[in-house]
PDB file of all heavy atoms in Angstrom:
ATOM      1  N   ILE A   1      84.395 117.332  98.939  1.00  0.00           N
ATOM      2  CA  ILE A   1      85.437 116.567  98.250  1.00  0.00           C
ATOM      3  C   ILE A   1      85.015 115.105  98.306  1.00  0.00           C
ATOM      4  O   ILE A   1      84.981 114.508  99.387  1.00  0.00           O
ATOM      5  CB  ILE A   1      86.818 116.738  98.907  1.00  0.00           C
ATOM      6  CG1 ILE A   1      87.273 118.197  98.853  1.00  0.00           C
ATOM      7  CG2 ILE A   1      87.842 115.818  98.238  1.00  0.00           C
ATOM      8  CD1 ILE A   1      88.592 118.471  99.556  1.00  0.00           C
ATOM      9  N   PRO A   2      84.683 114.497  97.166  1.00  0.00           N
ATOM     10  CA  PRO A   2      84.222 113.106  97.192  1.00  0.00           C
ATOM     11  C   PRO A   2      85.298 112.123  97.659  1.00  0.00           C
ATOM     12  O   PRO A   2      86.447 112.175  97.210  1.00  0.00           O
ATOM     13  CB  PRO A   2      83.854 112.822  95.740  1.00  0.00           C
ATOM     14  CG  PRO A   2      83.613 114.159  95.140  1.00  0.00           C
ATOM     15  CD  PRO A   2      84.570 115.079  95.837  1.00  0.00           C
ATOM     16  N   THR A   3      84.874 111.257  98.567  1.00  0.00           N
ATOM     17  CA  THR A   3      85.715 110.139  99.014  1.00  0.00           C
ATOM     18  C   THR A   3      84.990 108.816  98.786  1.00  0.00           C
ATOM     19  O   THR A   3      85.557 107.753  98.991  1.00  0.00           O
ATOM     20  CB  THR A   3      86.077 110.281 100.505  1.00  0.00           C
ATOM     21  OG1 THR A   3      84.881 110.323 101.281  1.00  0.00           O
ATOM     22  CG2 THR A   3      86.907 111.539 100.758  1.00  0.00           C
ATOM     23  N   LYS A   4      83.713 108.921  98.359  1.00  0.00           N
ATOM     24  CA  LYS A   4      82.900 107.736  98.054  1.00  0.00           C
ATOM     25  C   LYS A   4      82.149 107.976  96.747  1.00  0.00           C
ATOM     26  O   LYS A   4      81.899 109.121  96.365  1.00  0.00           O
ATOM     27  CB  LYS A   4      81.912 107.447  99.181  1.00  0.00           C
ATOM     28  CG  LYS A   4      82.593 107.007 100.469  1.00  0.00           C
ATOM     29  CD  LYS A   4      81.591 106.528 101.478  1.00  0.00           C
ATOM     30  CE  LYS A   4      82.317 105.917 102.666  1.00  0.00           C
ATOM     31  NZ  LYS A   4      81.429 105.040 103.417  1.00  0.00           N
ATOM     32  N   ASP A   5      81.765 106.894  96.088  1.00  0.00           N
ATOM     33  CA  ASP A   5      81.054 107.000  94.816  1.00  0.00           C
ATOM     34  C   ASP A   5      79.550 107.144  95.035  1.00  0.00           C
ATOM     35  O   ASP A   5      79.086 107.322  96.169  1.00  0.00           O
ATOM     36  CB  ASP A   5      81.409 105.832  93.898  1.00  0.00           C
ATOM     37  CG  ASP A   5      80.885 104.478  94.388  1.00  0.00           C
ATOM     38  OD1 ASP A   5      80.030 104.427  95.311  1.00  0.00           O
ATOM     39  OD2 ASP A   5      81.327 103.453  93.840  1.00  0.00           O
ATOM     40  N   GLU A   6      78.780 107.040  93.953  1.00  0.00           N
ATOM     41  CA  GLU A   6      77.331 107.191  94.026  1.00  0.00           C
ATOM     42  C   GLU A   6      76.672 106.081  94.830  1.00  0.00           C
ATOM     43  O   GLU A   6      75.571 106.246  95.348  1.00  0.00           O
ATOM     44  CB  GLU A   6      76.713 107.191  92.613  1.00  0.00           C
ATOM     45  CG  GLU A   6      77.175 108.334  91.741  1.00  0.00           C
ATOM     46  CD  GLU A   6      78.469 108.038  90.980  1.00  0.00           C
ATOM     47  OE1 GLU A   6      79.208 107.063  91.296  1.00  0.00           O
ATOM     48  OE2 GLU A   6      78.769 108.805  90.055  1.00  0.00           O
ATOM     49  N   ARG A   7      77.309 104.932  94.910  1.00  0.00           N
ATOM     50  CA  ARG A   7      76.765 103.796  95.677  1.00  0.00           C
ATOM     51  C   ARG A   7      77.327 103.736  97.090  1.00  0.00           C
ATOM     52  O   ARG A   7      77.203 102.725  97.770  1.00  0.00           O
ATOM     53  CB  ARG A   7      77.064 102.498  94.931  1.00  0.00           C
ATOM     54  CG  ARG A   7      76.357 102.426  93.601  1.00  0.00           C
ATOM     55  CD  ARG A   7      76.659 101.124  92.930  1.00  0.00           C
ATOM     56  NE  ARG A   7      76.065 101.109  91.606  1.00  0.00           N
ATOM     57  CZ  ARG A   7      76.530 100.416  90.597  1.00  0.00           C
ATOM     58  NH1 ARG A   7      77.605  99.666  90.746  1.00  0.00           N
ATOM     59  NH2 ARG A   7      75.935 100.459  89.434  1.00  0.00           N
ATOM     60  N   ILE A   8      78.029 104.770  97.469  1.00  0.00           N
ATOM     61  CA  ILE A   8      78.621 104.917  98.801  1.00  0.00           C
ATOM     62  C   ILE A   8      79.772 103.924  99.019  1.00  0.00           C
ATOM     63  O   ILE A   8      80.046 103.502 100.138  1.00  0.00           O
ATOM     64  CB  ILE A   8      77.553 104.824  99.930  1.00  0.00           C
ATOM     65  CG1 ILE A   8      76.272 105.562  99.524  1.00  0.00           C
ATOM     66  CG2 ILE A   8      78.083 105.405 101.234  1.00  0.00           C
ATOM     67  CD1 ILE A   8      76.444 107.053  99.219  1.00  0.00           C
ATOM     68  N   LYS A   9      80.453 103.563  97.962  1.00  0.00           N
ATOM     69  CA  LYS A   9      81.663 102.733  98.042  1.00  0.00           C
ATOM     70  C   LYS A   9      82.866 103.666  98.030  1.00  0.00           C
ATOM     71  O   LYS A   9      82.897 104.651  97.278  1.00  0.00           O
ATOM     72  CB  LYS A   9      81.762 101.764  96.861  1.00  0.00           C
ATOM     73  CG  LYS A   9      80.578 100.830  96.738  1.00  0.00           C
ATOM     74  CD  LYS A   9      80.558  99.832  97.855  1.00  0.00           C
ATOM     75  CE  LYS A   9      79.404  98.862  97.665  1.00  0.00           C
ATOM     76  NZ  LYS A   9      78.999  98.219  98.868  1.00  0.00           N
ATOM     77  N   THR A  10      83.858 103.363  98.837  1.00  0.00           N
ATOM     78  CA  THR A  10      85.045 104.206  98.945  1.00  0.00           C
ATOM     79  C   THR A  10      85.783 104.306  97.614  1.00  0.00           C
ATOM     80  O   THR A  10      86.015 103.303  96.941  1.00  0.00           O
ATOM     81  CB  THR A  10      85.985 103.643 100.038  1.00  0.00           C
ATOM     82  OG1 THR A  10      85.269 103.650 101.285  1.00  0.00           O
ATOM     83  CG2 THR A  10      87.238 104.484 100.183  1.00  0.00           C
ATOM     84  N   LEU A  11      86.135 105.534  97.253  1.00  0.00           N
ATOM     85  CA  LEU A  11      86.896 105.783  96.034  1.00  0.00           C
ATOM     86  C   LEU A  11      88.367 105.423  96.245  1.00  0.00           C
ATOM     87  O   LEU A  11      88.884 105.548  97.361  1.00  0.00           O
ATOM     88  CB  LEU A  11      86.813 107.267  95.646  1.00  0.00           C
ATOM     89  CG  LEU A  11      85.454 107.801  95.219  1.00  0.00           C
ATOM     90  CD1 LEU A  11      85.506 109.319  95.056  1.00  0.00           C
ATOM     91  CD2 LEU A  11      85.000 107.145  93.928  1.00  0.00           C
ATOM     92  N   PRO A  12      89.074 105.030  95.183  1.00  0.00           N
ATOM     93  CA  PRO A  12      90.516 104.785  95.305  1.00  0.00           C
ATOM     94  C   PRO A  12      91.265 106.110  95.537  1.00  0.00           C
ATOM     95  O   PRO A  12      90.805 107.177  95.102  1.00  0.00           O
ATOM     96  CB  PRO A  12      90.899 104.150  93.970  1.00  0.00           C
ATOM     97  CG  PRO A  12      89.788 104.464  93.037  1.00  0.00           C
ATOM     98  CD  PRO A  12      88.560 104.731  93.859  1.00  0.00           C
ATOM     99  N   LEU A  13      92.403 106.010  96.183  1.00  0.00           N
ATOM    100  CA  LEU A  13      93.178 107.209  96.531  1.00  0.00           C
ATOM    101  C   LEU A  13      93.492 108.103  95.332  1.00  0.00           C
ATOM    102  O   LEU A  13      93.368 109.332  95.451  1.00  0.00           O
ATOM    103  CB  LEU A  13      94.455 106.820  97.272  1.00  0.00           C
ATOM    104  CG  LEU A  13      94.243 106.350  98.712  1.00  0.00           C
ATOM    105  CD1 LEU A  13      95.520 105.736  99.276  1.00  0.00           C
ATOM    106  CD2 LEU A  13      93.766 107.491  99.585  1.00  0.00           C
ATOM    107  N   PRO A  14      93.899 107.573  94.170  1.00  0.00           N
ATOM    108  CA  PRO A  14      94.193 108.473  93.049  1.00  0.00           C
ATOM    109  C   PRO A  14      92.983 109.305  92.607  1.00  0.00           C
ATOM    110  O   PRO A  14      93.119 110.454  92.198  1.00  0.00           O
ATOM    111  CB  PRO A  14      94.643 107.534  91.929  1.00  0.00           C
ATOM    112  CG  PRO A  14      95.142 106.318  92.635  1.00  0.00           C
ATOM    113  CD  PRO A  14      94.263 106.183  93.855  1.00  0.00           C
ATOM    114  N   ARG A  15      91.813 108.739  92.724  1.00  0.00           N
ATOM    115  CA  ARG A  15      90.607 109.480  92.348  1.00  0.00           C
ATOM    116  C   ARG A  15      90.311 110.574  93.378  1.00  0.00           C
ATOM    117  O   ARG A  15      89.950 111.701  93.011  1.00  0.00           O
ATOM    118  CB  ARG A  15      89.429 108.514  92.239  1.00  0.00           C
ATOM    119  CG  ARG A  15      88.275 109.109  91.520  1.00  0.00           C
ATOM    120  CD  ARG A  15      87.543 108.127  90.649  1.00  0.00           C
ATOM    121  NE  ARG A  15      86.315 108.774  90.216  1.00  0.00           N
ATOM    122  CZ  ARG A  15      85.133 108.217  90.231  1.00  0.00           C
ATOM    123  NH1 ARG A  15      84.997 106.967  90.598  1.00  0.00           N
ATOM    124  NH2 ARG A  15      84.084 108.889  89.838  1.00  0.00           N
ATOM    125  N   ILE A  16      90.484 110.259  94.651  1.00  0.00           N
ATOM    126  CA  ILE A  16      90.311 111.274  95.700  1.00  0.00           C
ATOM    127  C   ILE A  16      91.328 112.389  95.497  1.00  0.00           C
ATOM    128  O   ILE A  16      90.996 113.577  95.610  1.00  0.00           O
ATOM    129  CB  ILE A  16      90.434 110.654  97.105  1.00  0.00           C
ATOM    130  CG1 ILE A  16      89.283 109.671  97.359  1.00  0.00           C
ATOM    131  CG2 ILE A  16      90.460 111.742  98.182  1.00  0.00           C
ATOM    132  CD1 ILE A  16      89.445 108.832  98.625  1.00  0.00           C
ATOM    133  N   ALA A  17      92.567 112.024  95.166  1.00  0.00           N
ATOM    134  CA  ALA A  17      93.626 113.020  94.953  1.00  0.00           C
ATOM    135  C   ALA A  17      93.251 114.012  93.861  1.00  0.00           C
ATOM    136  O   ALA A  17      93.559 115.209  93.964  1.00  0.00           O
ATOM    137  CB  ALA A  17      94.944 112.327  94.622  1.00  0.00           C
ATOM    138  N   LYS A  18      92.575 113.566  92.824  1.00  0.00           N
ATOM    139  CA  LYS A  18      92.139 114.473  91.750  1.00  0.00           C
ATOM    140  C   LYS A  18      91.128 115.478  92.293  1.00  0.00           C
ATOM    141  O   LYS A  18      91.200 116.671  91.990  1.00  0.00           O
ATOM    142  CB  LYS A  18      91.535 113.653  90.603  1.00  0.00           C
ATOM    143  CG  LYS A  18      90.845 114.480  89.540  1.00  0.00           C
ATOM    144  CD  LYS A  18      91.807 115.403  88.795  1.00  0.00           C
ATOM    145  CE  LYS A  18      91.115 116.078  87.620  1.00  0.00           C
ATOM    146  NZ  LYS A  18      90.932 117.509  87.781  1.00  0.00           N
ATOM    147  N   TYR A  19      90.185 115.015  93.106  1.00  0.00           N
ATOM    148  CA  TYR A  19      89.211 115.933  93.693  1.00  0.00           C
ATOM    149  C   TYR A  19      89.875 116.903  94.675  1.00  0.00           C
ATOM    150  O   TYR A  19      89.491 118.076  94.749  1.00  0.00           O
ATOM    151  CB  TYR A  19      88.083 115.161  94.389  1.00  0.00           C
ATOM    152  CG  TYR A  19      87.153 114.463  93.425  1.00  0.00           C
ATOM    153  CD1 TYR A  19      87.066 113.085  93.395  1.00  0.00           C
ATOM    154  CD2 TYR A  19      86.352 115.188  92.539  1.00  0.00           C
ATOM    155  CE1 TYR A  19      86.205 112.431  92.517  1.00  0.00           C
ATOM    156  CE2 TYR A  19      85.494 114.550  91.659  1.00  0.00           C
ATOM    157  CZ  TYR A  19      85.425 113.177  91.648  1.00  0.00           C
ATOM    158  OH  TYR A  19      84.571 112.540  90.770  1.00  0.00           O
ATOM    159  N   VAL A  20      90.872 116.431  95.422  1.00  0.00           N
ATOM    160  CA  VAL A  20      91.612 117.317  96.324  1.00  0.00           C
ATOM    161  C   VAL A  20      92.344 118.378  95.504  1.00  0.00           C
ATOM    162  O   VAL A  20      92.337 119.562  95.850  1.00  0.00           O
ATOM    163  CB  VAL A  20      92.595 116.522  97.211  1.00  0.00           C
ATOM    164  CG1 VAL A  20      93.542 117.461  97.956  1.00  0.00           C
ATOM    165  CG2 VAL A  20      91.834 115.649  98.208  1.00  0.00           C
ATOM    166  N   SER A  21      92.961 117.972  94.412  1.00  0.00           N
ATOM    167  CA  SER A  21      93.668 118.922  93.540  1.00  0.00           C
ATOM    168  C   SER A  21      92.706 119.992  93.014  1.00  0.00           C
ATOM    169  O   SER A  21      93.044 121.184  92.988  1.00  0.00           O
ATOM    170  CB  SER A  21      94.314 118.164  92.387  1.00  0.00           C
ATOM    171  OG  SER A  21      94.952 119.056  91.511  1.00  0.00           O
ATOM    172  N   ASP A  22      91.518 119.581  92.610  1.00  0.00           N
ATOM    173  CA  ASP A  22      90.510 120.542  92.152  1.00  0.00           C
ATOM    174  C   ASP A  22      90.149 121.522  93.265  1.00  0.00           C
ATOM    175  O   ASP A  22      90.013 122.730  93.031  1.00  0.00           O
ATOM    176  CB  ASP A  22      89.251 119.826  91.677  1.00  0.00           C
ATOM    177  CG  ASP A  22      89.470 119.022  90.404  1.00  0.00           C
ATOM    178  OD1 ASP A  22      90.493 119.220  89.702  1.00  0.00           O
ATOM    179  OD2 ASP A  22      88.594 118.175  90.105  1.00  0.00           O
ATOM    180  N   PHE A  23      89.997 121.003  94.491  1.00  0.00           N
ATOM    181  CA  PHE A  23      89.701 121.875  95.631  1.00  0.00           C
ATOM    182  C   PHE A  23      90.835 122.868  95.869  1.00  0.00           C
ATOM    183  O   PHE A  23      90.600 124.060  96.069  1.00  0.00           O
ATOM    184  CB  PHE A  23      89.445 121.065  96.911  1.00  0.00           C
ATOM    185  CG  PHE A  23      89.616 121.900  98.144  1.00  0.00           C
ATOM    186  CD1 PHE A  23      88.706 122.911  98.442  1.00  0.00           C
ATOM    187  CD2 PHE A  23      90.712 121.726  98.978  1.00  0.00           C
ATOM    188  CE1 PHE A  23      88.887 123.729  99.559  1.00  0.00           C
ATOM    189  CE2 PHE A  23      90.893 122.528 100.089  1.00  0.00           C
ATOM    190  CZ  PHE A  23      89.982 123.534 100.377  1.00  0.00           C
ATOM    191  N   LEU A  24      92.083 122.385  95.849  1.00  0.00           N
ATOM    192  CA  LEU A  24      93.220 123.276  96.093  1.00  0.00           C
ATOM    193  C   LEU A  24      93.293 124.369  95.028  1.00  0.00           C
ATOM    194  O   LEU A  24      93.625 125.521  95.339  1.00  0.00           O
ATOM    195  CB  LEU A  24      94.516 122.475  96.172  1.00  0.00           C
ATOM    196  CG  LEU A  24      94.611 121.510  97.366  1.00  0.00           C
ATOM    197  CD1 LEU A  24      95.895 120.701  97.295  1.00  0.00           C
ATOM    198  CD2 LEU A  24      94.494 122.246  98.692  1.00  0.00           C
ATOM    199  N   ASP A  25      92.977 124.035  93.791  1.00  0.00           N
ATOM    200  CA  ASP A  25      92.913 125.052  92.735  1.00  0.00           C
ATOM    201  C   ASP A  25      91.851 126.098  93.068  1.00  0.00           C
ATOM    202  O   ASP A  25      92.071 127.306  92.898  1.00  0.00           O
ATOM    203  CB  ASP A  25      92.598 124.414  91.378  1.00  0.00           C
ATOM    204  CG  ASP A  25      93.751 123.621  90.807  1.00  0.00           C
ATOM    205  OD1 ASP A  25      94.908 123.769  91.272  1.00  0.00           O
ATOM    206  OD2 ASP A  25      93.492 122.821  89.872  1.00  0.00           O
TER     207      ASP A  25
END
């Protein structure tokens, strides 16, 4: 589940939430 981008910068919470939602699905 991504929490950082390609440059290793932390992703914003709404973007992480989308990846979490995909995982839960």
